[in-house]
Amino acid sequence: MNDELKAHREPLGDIVAAIHRATATVAVLSFVGYGVAAWLWFSGQPWLALGVATVSYLFFRLYPVLSVHWARWRSADDLRARAALEALERAWQGRSRRAVLLEVDAWLRKEGSKHD
């Protein structure tokens, strides 16, 4: 992990937490959609069930993009968080978002255990 990201420890923690919350929310909503689709299927409305299941699947496939945009939206007013997001975006150039976020998350967990 680069030093530029390490300089933004506190806002990065908030950003990663927001991304985790958004990811969990998208997953829960997607699986609720799958449940509604199953209920519709067994209620005799297979075409509507297929439509709901398809929309739920597409919504679930968008979770990486949605979760980052959610974190961006949540921290739009905080200047420190904006600087941390800009550092994250520079780190994402040439690397996958998932790899960078996993690295940042592991580093934050390690740093958090040092301060406990």
N, C-alpha and C. Protein backbone atom coordinates (compact mmCIF):
# COMPACT_ATOMS: atom_id res chain seq x y z
N MET A 1 0.84 -1.18 0.00
CA MET A 1 0.00 0.00 0.00
C MET A 1 0.88 1.23 0.00
N ASN A 2 0.50 2.24 -0.77
CA ASN A 2 1.36 3.40 -0.90
C ASN A 2 1.21 4.37 0.27
N ASP A 3 2.20 5.23 0.41
CA ASP A 3 2.23 6.17 1.52
C ASP A 3 1.12 7.21 1.43
N GLU A 4 0.69 7.51 0.21
CA GLU A 4 -0.38 8.50 0.04
C GLU A 4 -1.66 8.01 0.72
N LEU A 5 -1.95 6.73 0.58
CA LEU A 5 -3.14 6.19 1.23
C LEU A 5 -2.95 6.12 2.74
N LYS A 6 -1.75 5.81 3.18
CA LYS A 6 -1.50 5.71 4.62
C LYS A 6 -1.68 7.05 5.33
N ALA A 7 -1.54 8.14 4.60
CA ALA A 7 -1.71 9.46 5.20
C ALA A 7 -3.18 9.76 5.50
N HIS A 8 -4.08 8.97 4.96
CA HIS A 8 -5.52 9.21 5.13
C HIS A 8 -6.17 8.09 5.94
N ARG A 9 -5.56 7.67 7.03
CA ARG A 9 -6.03 6.52 7.79
C ARG A 9 -7.47 6.66 8.28
N GLU A 10 -7.78 7.75 8.96
CA GLU A 10 -9.12 7.90 9.55
C GLU A 10 -10.23 8.00 8.50
N PRO A 11 -10.09 8.89 7.50
CA PRO A 11 -11.17 8.92 6.50
C PRO A 11 -11.27 7.62 5.69
N LEU A 12 -10.14 6.94 5.48
CA LEU A 12 -10.20 5.66 4.76
C LEU A 12 -11.00 4.64 5.55
N GLY A 13 -10.86 4.66 6.86
CA GLY A 13 -11.65 3.75 7.69
C GLY A 13 -13.13 4.00 7.53
N ASP A 14 -13.52 5.27 7.50
CA ASP A 14 -14.93 5.61 7.30
C ASP A 14 -15.41 5.22 5.91
N ILE A 15 -14.57 5.43 4.91
CA ILE A 15 -14.93 5.10 3.52
C ILE A 15 -15.10 3.59 3.37
N VAL A 16 -14.16 2.82 3.90
CA VAL A 16 -14.24 1.36 3.80
C VAL A 16 -15.46 0.84 4.55
N ALA A 17 -15.76 1.44 5.71
CA ALA A 17 -16.96 1.03 6.45
C ALA A 17 -18.22 1.33 5.65
N ALA A 18 -18.27 2.49 4.99
CA ALA A 18 -19.43 2.83 4.16
C ALA A 18 -19.56 1.87 2.98
N ILE A 19 -18.43 1.48 2.39
CA ILE A 19 -18.47 0.53 1.28
C ILE A 19 -18.98 -0.83 1.76
N HIS A 20 -18.54 -1.27 2.94
CA HIS A 20 -19.02 -2.55 3.48
C HIS A 20 -20.53 -2.50 3.76
N ARG A 21 -20.99 -1.38 4.35
CA ARG A 21 -22.43 -1.26 4.62
C ARG A 21 -23.23 -1.26 3.33
N ALA A 22 -22.76 -0.54 2.33
CA ALA A 22 -23.47 -0.49 1.05
C ALA A 22 -23.49 -1.86 0.38
N THR A 23 -22.39 -2.58 0.45
CA THR A 23 -22.32 -3.92 -0.14
C THR A 23 -23.31 -4.86 0.55
N ALA A 24 -23.36 -4.79 1.87
CA ALA A 24 -24.30 -5.63 2.61
C ALA A 24 -25.74 -5.27 2.27
N THR A 25 -26.02 -3.98 2.14
CA THR A 25 -27.37 -3.54 1.80
C THR A 25 -27.78 -4.03 0.42
N VAL A 26 -26.88 -3.92 -0.55
CA VAL A 26 -27.17 -4.39 -1.91
C VAL A 26 -27.41 -5.89 -1.90
N ALA A 27 -26.61 -6.64 -1.16
CA ALA A 27 -26.78 -8.09 -1.10
C ALA A 27 -28.13 -8.46 -0.49
N VAL A 28 -28.48 -7.81 0.61
CA VAL A 28 -29.75 -8.11 1.27
C VAL A 28 -30.93 -7.77 0.35
N LEU A 29 -30.88 -6.60 -0.27
CA LEU A 29 -31.97 -6.21 -1.17
C LEU A 29 -32.07 -7.15 -2.37
N SER A 30 -30.93 -7.60 -2.88
CA SER A 30 -30.95 -8.54 -4.00
C SER A 30 -31.60 -9.86 -3.61
N PHE A 31 -31.24 -10.37 -2.44
CA PHE A 31 -31.81 -11.64 -2.03
C PHE A 31 -33.27 -11.52 -1.62
N VAL A 32 -33.67 -10.35 -1.15
CA VAL A 32 -35.10 -10.12 -0.94
C VAL A 32 -35.83 -10.17 -2.28
N GLY A 33 -35.20 -9.57 -3.29
CA GLY A 33 -35.78 -9.63 -4.64
C GLY A 33 -35.90 -11.06 -5.14
N TYR A 34 -34.89 -11.89 -4.86
CA TYR A 34 -34.97 -13.30 -5.25
C TYR A 34 -36.13 -13.99 -4.52
N GLY A 35 -36.31 -13.65 -3.26
CA GLY A 35 -37.42 -14.23 -2.50
C GLY A 35 -38.77 -13.82 -3.07
N VAL A 36 -38.89 -12.54 -3.43
CA VAL A 36 -40.13 -12.07 -4.06
C VAL A 36 -40.34 -12.79 -5.39
N ALA A 37 -39.26 -12.99 -6.14
CA ALA A 37 -39.38 -13.70 -7.42
C ALA A 37 -39.86 -15.14 -7.20
N ALA A 38 -39.34 -15.81 -6.18
CA ALA A 38 -39.79 -17.18 -5.89
C ALA A 38 -41.26 -17.18 -5.50
N TRP A 39 -41.66 -16.22 -4.68
CA TRP A 39 -43.06 -16.13 -4.27
C TRP A 39 -43.96 -15.90 -5.49
N LEU A 40 -43.53 -15.01 -6.38
CA LEU A 40 -44.31 -14.75 -7.60
C LEU A 40 -44.39 -16.00 -8.47
N TRP A 41 -43.29 -16.72 -8.56
CA TRP A 41 -43.26 -17.94 -9.38
C TRP A 41 -44.29 -18.96 -8.87
N PHE A 42 -44.30 -19.16 -7.56
CA PHE A 42 -45.22 -20.14 -6.99
C PHE A 42 -46.64 -19.61 -6.88
N SER A 43 -46.81 -18.31 -7.11
CA SER A 43 -48.16 -17.72 -7.15
C SER A 43 -48.75 -17.75 -8.54
N GLY A 44 -48.03 -18.33 -9.48
CA GLY A 44 -48.56 -18.48 -10.82
C GLY A 44 -48.26 -17.32 -11.75
N GLN A 45 -47.23 -16.54 -11.45
CA GLN A 45 -46.85 -15.42 -12.30
C GLN A 45 -45.39 -15.56 -12.72
N PRO A 46 -45.10 -16.57 -13.55
CA PRO A 46 -43.70 -16.86 -13.87
C PRO A 46 -42.98 -15.75 -14.63
N TRP A 47 -43.68 -15.04 -15.52
CA TRP A 47 -43.00 -13.99 -16.28
C TRP A 47 -42.62 -12.81 -15.40
N LEU A 48 -43.51 -12.45 -14.50
CA LEU A 48 -43.18 -11.38 -13.56
C LEU A 48 -42.05 -11.83 -12.63
N ALA A 49 -42.08 -13.09 -12.22
CA ALA A 49 -41.02 -13.63 -11.37
C ALA A 49 -39.68 -13.57 -12.09
N LEU A 50 -39.68 -13.92 -13.36
CA LEU A 50 -38.44 -13.85 -14.14
C LEU A 50 -37.92 -12.42 -14.23
N GLY A 51 -38.82 -11.47 -14.42
CA GLY A 51 -38.43 -10.07 -14.48
C GLY A 51 -37.84 -9.58 -13.16
N VAL A 52 -38.49 -9.91 -12.05
CA VAL A 52 -37.99 -9.50 -10.73
C VAL A 52 -36.64 -10.16 -10.45
N ALA A 53 -36.51 -11.44 -10.77
CA ALA A 53 -35.23 -12.13 -10.55
C ALA A 53 -34.12 -11.52 -11.40
N THR A 54 -34.44 -11.16 -12.63
CA THR A 54 -33.43 -10.55 -13.51
C THR A 54 -32.98 -9.20 -12.98
N VAL A 55 -33.94 -8.38 -12.56
CA VAL A 55 -33.59 -7.07 -12.01
C VAL A 55 -32.76 -7.24 -10.73
N SER A 56 -33.13 -8.19 -9.89
CA SER A 56 -32.37 -8.45 -8.66
C SER A 56 -30.94 -8.89 -8.98
N TYR A 57 -30.80 -9.74 -9.98
CA TYR A 57 -29.47 -10.20 -10.38
C TYR A 57 -28.63 -9.04 -10.90
N LEU A 58 -29.21 -8.22 -11.77
CA LEU A 58 -28.46 -7.08 -12.31
C LEU A 58 -28.09 -6.09 -11.22
N PHE A 59 -28.99 -5.88 -10.27
CA PHE A 59 -28.70 -5.00 -9.13
C PHE A 59 -27.53 -5.57 -8.33
N PHE A 60 -27.54 -6.88 -8.11
CA PHE A 60 -26.45 -7.51 -7.36
C PHE A 60 -25.12 -7.40 -8.10
N ARG A 61 -25.16 -7.53 -9.42
CA ARG A 61 -23.92 -7.44 -10.21
C ARG A 61 -23.31 -6.04 -10.16
N LEU A 62 -24.12 -5.05 -9.86
CA LEU A 62 -23.63 -3.68 -9.80
C LEU A 62 -23.09 -3.29 -8.43
N TYR A 63 -23.05 -4.22 -7.47
CA TYR A 63 -22.68 -3.83 -6.12
C TYR A 63 -21.31 -3.17 -6.00
N PRO A 64 -20.28 -3.56 -6.76
CA PRO A 64 -19.01 -2.85 -6.59
C PRO A 64 -19.11 -1.37 -6.96
N VAL A 65 -19.79 -1.09 -8.04
CA VAL A 65 -19.95 0.29 -8.48
C VAL A 65 -20.86 1.05 -7.52
N LEU A 66 -21.98 0.44 -7.14
CA LEU A 66 -22.92 1.10 -6.25
C LEU A 66 -22.31 1.40 -4.89
N SER A 67 -21.53 0.47 -4.36
CA SER A 67 -20.97 0.68 -3.03
C SER A 67 -19.94 1.80 -3.02
N VAL A 68 -19.14 1.91 -4.06
CA VAL A 68 -18.16 3.00 -4.14
C VAL A 68 -18.88 4.34 -4.31
N HIS A 69 -19.91 4.36 -5.15
CA HIS A 69 -20.66 5.60 -5.32
C HIS A 69 -21.38 5.99 -4.04
N TRP A 70 -21.86 5.01 -3.30
CA TRP A 70 -22.51 5.29 -2.01
C TRP A 70 -21.50 5.93 -1.06
N ALA A 71 -20.31 5.39 -0.98
CA ALA A 71 -19.27 5.95 -0.10
C ALA A 71 -18.90 7.36 -0.54
N ARG A 72 -18.82 7.57 -1.83
CA ARG A 72 -18.52 8.89 -2.37
C ARG A 72 -19.61 9.89 -1.99
N TRP A 73 -20.84 9.46 -2.10
CA TRP A 73 -21.97 10.33 -1.77
C TRP A 73 -22.00 10.64 -0.28
N ARG A 74 -21.72 9.63 0.56
CA ARG A 74 -21.75 9.82 2.01
C ARG A 74 -20.66 10.78 2.49
N SER A 75 -19.56 10.83 1.78
CA SER A 75 -18.45 11.66 2.24
C SER A 75 -18.23 12.89 1.36
N ALA A 76 -19.26 13.31 0.66
CA ALA A 76 -19.12 14.44 -0.27
C ALA A 76 -18.81 15.75 0.44
N ASP A 77 -19.29 15.92 1.65
CA ASP A 77 -19.09 17.19 2.37
C ASP A 77 -17.80 17.24 3.17
N ASP A 78 -17.17 16.11 3.40
CA ASP A 78 -15.97 16.04 4.23
C ASP A 78 -14.73 16.19 3.35
N LEU A 79 -13.96 17.26 3.57
CA LEU A 79 -12.77 17.51 2.74
C LEU A 79 -11.70 16.44 2.92
N ARG A 80 -11.54 15.95 4.16
CA ARG A 80 -10.54 14.90 4.38
C ARG A 80 -10.93 13.62 3.65
N ALA A 81 -12.22 13.30 3.68
CA ALA A 81 -12.68 12.10 2.98
C ALA A 81 -12.55 12.27 1.48
N ARG A 82 -12.79 13.47 0.99
CA ARG A 82 -12.64 13.71 -0.45
C ARG A 82 -11.19 13.50 -0.88
N ALA A 83 -10.25 13.97 -0.06
CA ALA A 83 -8.83 13.76 -0.37
C ALA A 83 -8.48 12.27 -0.33
N ALA A 84 -9.06 11.55 0.63
CA ALA A 84 -8.82 10.10 0.71
C ALA A 84 -9.40 9.38 -0.50
N LEU A 85 -10.59 9.80 -0.93
CA LEU A 85 -11.19 9.19 -2.12
C LEU A 85 -10.36 9.46 -3.37
N GLU A 86 -9.81 10.67 -3.47
CA GLU A 86 -8.95 10.97 -4.61
C GLU A 86 -7.69 10.10 -4.59
N ALA A 87 -7.15 9.87 -3.39
CA ALA A 87 -5.98 8.99 -3.27
C ALA A 87 -6.36 7.55 -3.65
N LEU A 88 -7.56 7.12 -3.25
CA LEU A 88 -8.03 5.78 -3.63
C LEU A 88 -8.18 5.67 -5.14
N GLU A 89 -8.74 6.70 -5.76
CA GLU A 89 -8.92 6.66 -7.21
C GLU A 89 -7.58 6.60 -7.94
N ARG A 90 -6.58 7.30 -7.42
CA ARG A 90 -5.25 7.20 -8.03
C ARG A 90 -4.68 5.79 -7.84
N ALA A 91 -4.94 5.18 -6.69
CA ALA A 91 -4.46 3.82 -6.44
C ALA A 91 -5.17 2.81 -7.34
N TRP A 92 -6.42 3.12 -7.73
CA TRP A 92 -7.18 2.22 -8.59
C TRP A 92 -6.70 2.24 -10.04
N GLN A 93 -5.94 3.24 -10.41
CA GLN A 93 -5.46 3.31 -11.79
C GLN A 93 -4.48 2.17 -12.04
N GLY A 94 -4.84 1.31 -12.93
CA GLY A 94 -3.98 0.18 -13.27
C GLY A 94 -4.16 -1.03 -12.37
N ARG A 95 -4.99 -0.93 -11.35
CA ARG A 95 -5.25 -2.06 -10.45
C ARG A 95 -6.76 -2.20 -10.27
N SER A 96 -7.17 -3.36 -9.86
CA SER A 96 -8.60 -3.56 -9.65
C SER A 96 -9.03 -2.90 -8.34
N ARG A 97 -10.26 -2.44 -8.33
CA ARG A 97 -10.79 -1.81 -7.11
C ARG A 97 -10.79 -2.80 -5.96
N ARG A 98 -11.16 -4.02 -6.27
CA ARG A 98 -11.26 -5.03 -5.22
C ARG A 98 -9.90 -5.27 -4.56
N ALA A 99 -8.85 -5.38 -5.37
CA ALA A 99 -7.52 -5.64 -4.82
C ALA A 99 -7.07 -4.49 -3.92
N VAL A 100 -7.30 -3.26 -4.37
CA VAL A 100 -6.89 -2.10 -3.57
C VAL A 100 -7.70 -2.04 -2.28
N LEU A 101 -9.01 -2.26 -2.36
CA LEU A 101 -9.84 -2.21 -1.16
C LEU A 101 -9.50 -3.32 -0.18
N LEU A 102 -9.17 -4.51 -0.69
CA LEU A 102 -8.75 -5.59 0.21
C LEU A 102 -7.46 -5.23 0.93
N GLU A 103 -6.55 -4.62 0.20
CA GLU A 103 -5.28 -4.21 0.79
C GLU A 103 -5.49 -3.13 1.84
N VAL A 104 -6.32 -2.15 1.53
CA VAL A 104 -6.61 -1.07 2.48
C VAL A 104 -7.32 -1.63 3.70
N ASP A 105 -8.28 -2.52 3.49
CA ASP A 105 -9.02 -3.11 4.60
C ASP A 105 -8.09 -3.91 5.52
N ALA A 106 -7.21 -4.71 4.94
CA ALA A 106 -6.26 -5.48 5.74
C ALA A 106 -5.33 -4.56 6.53
N TRP A 107 -4.87 -3.49 5.88
CA TRP A 107 -3.99 -2.54 6.56
C TRP A 107 -4.72 -1.85 7.71
N LEU A 108 -5.98 -1.46 7.49
CA LEU A 108 -6.75 -0.80 8.55
C LEU A 108 -6.99 -1.74 9.72
N ARG A 109 -7.26 -3.01 9.43
CA ARG A 109 -7.45 -3.98 10.52
C ARG A 109 -6.17 -4.17 11.32
N LYS A 110 -5.04 -4.23 10.62
CA LYS A 110 -3.76 -4.38 11.29
C LYS A 110 -3.45 -3.14 12.14
N GLU A 111 -3.69 -1.97 11.59
CA GLU A 111 -3.45 -0.73 12.33
C GLU A 111 -4.39 -0.60 13.52
N GLY A 112 -5.63 -1.05 13.35
CA GLY A 112 -6.59 -0.99 14.44
C GLY A 112 -6.18 -1.87 15.60
N SER A 113 -5.58 -3.02 15.30
CA SER A 113 -5.16 -3.92 16.37
C SER A 113 -3.96 -3.36 17.12
N LYS A 114 -3.18 -2.48 16.49
CA LYS A 114 -2.05 -1.86 17.18
C LYS A 114 -2.52 -0.86 18.22
N HIS A 115 -3.67 -0.24 17.98
CA HIS A 115 -4.14 0.81 18.87
C HIS A 115 -5.08 0.30 19.94
N ASP A 116 -5.44 -0.97 19.92
CA ASP A 116 -6.37 -1.53 20.92
C ASP A 116 -5.68 -1.87 22.21
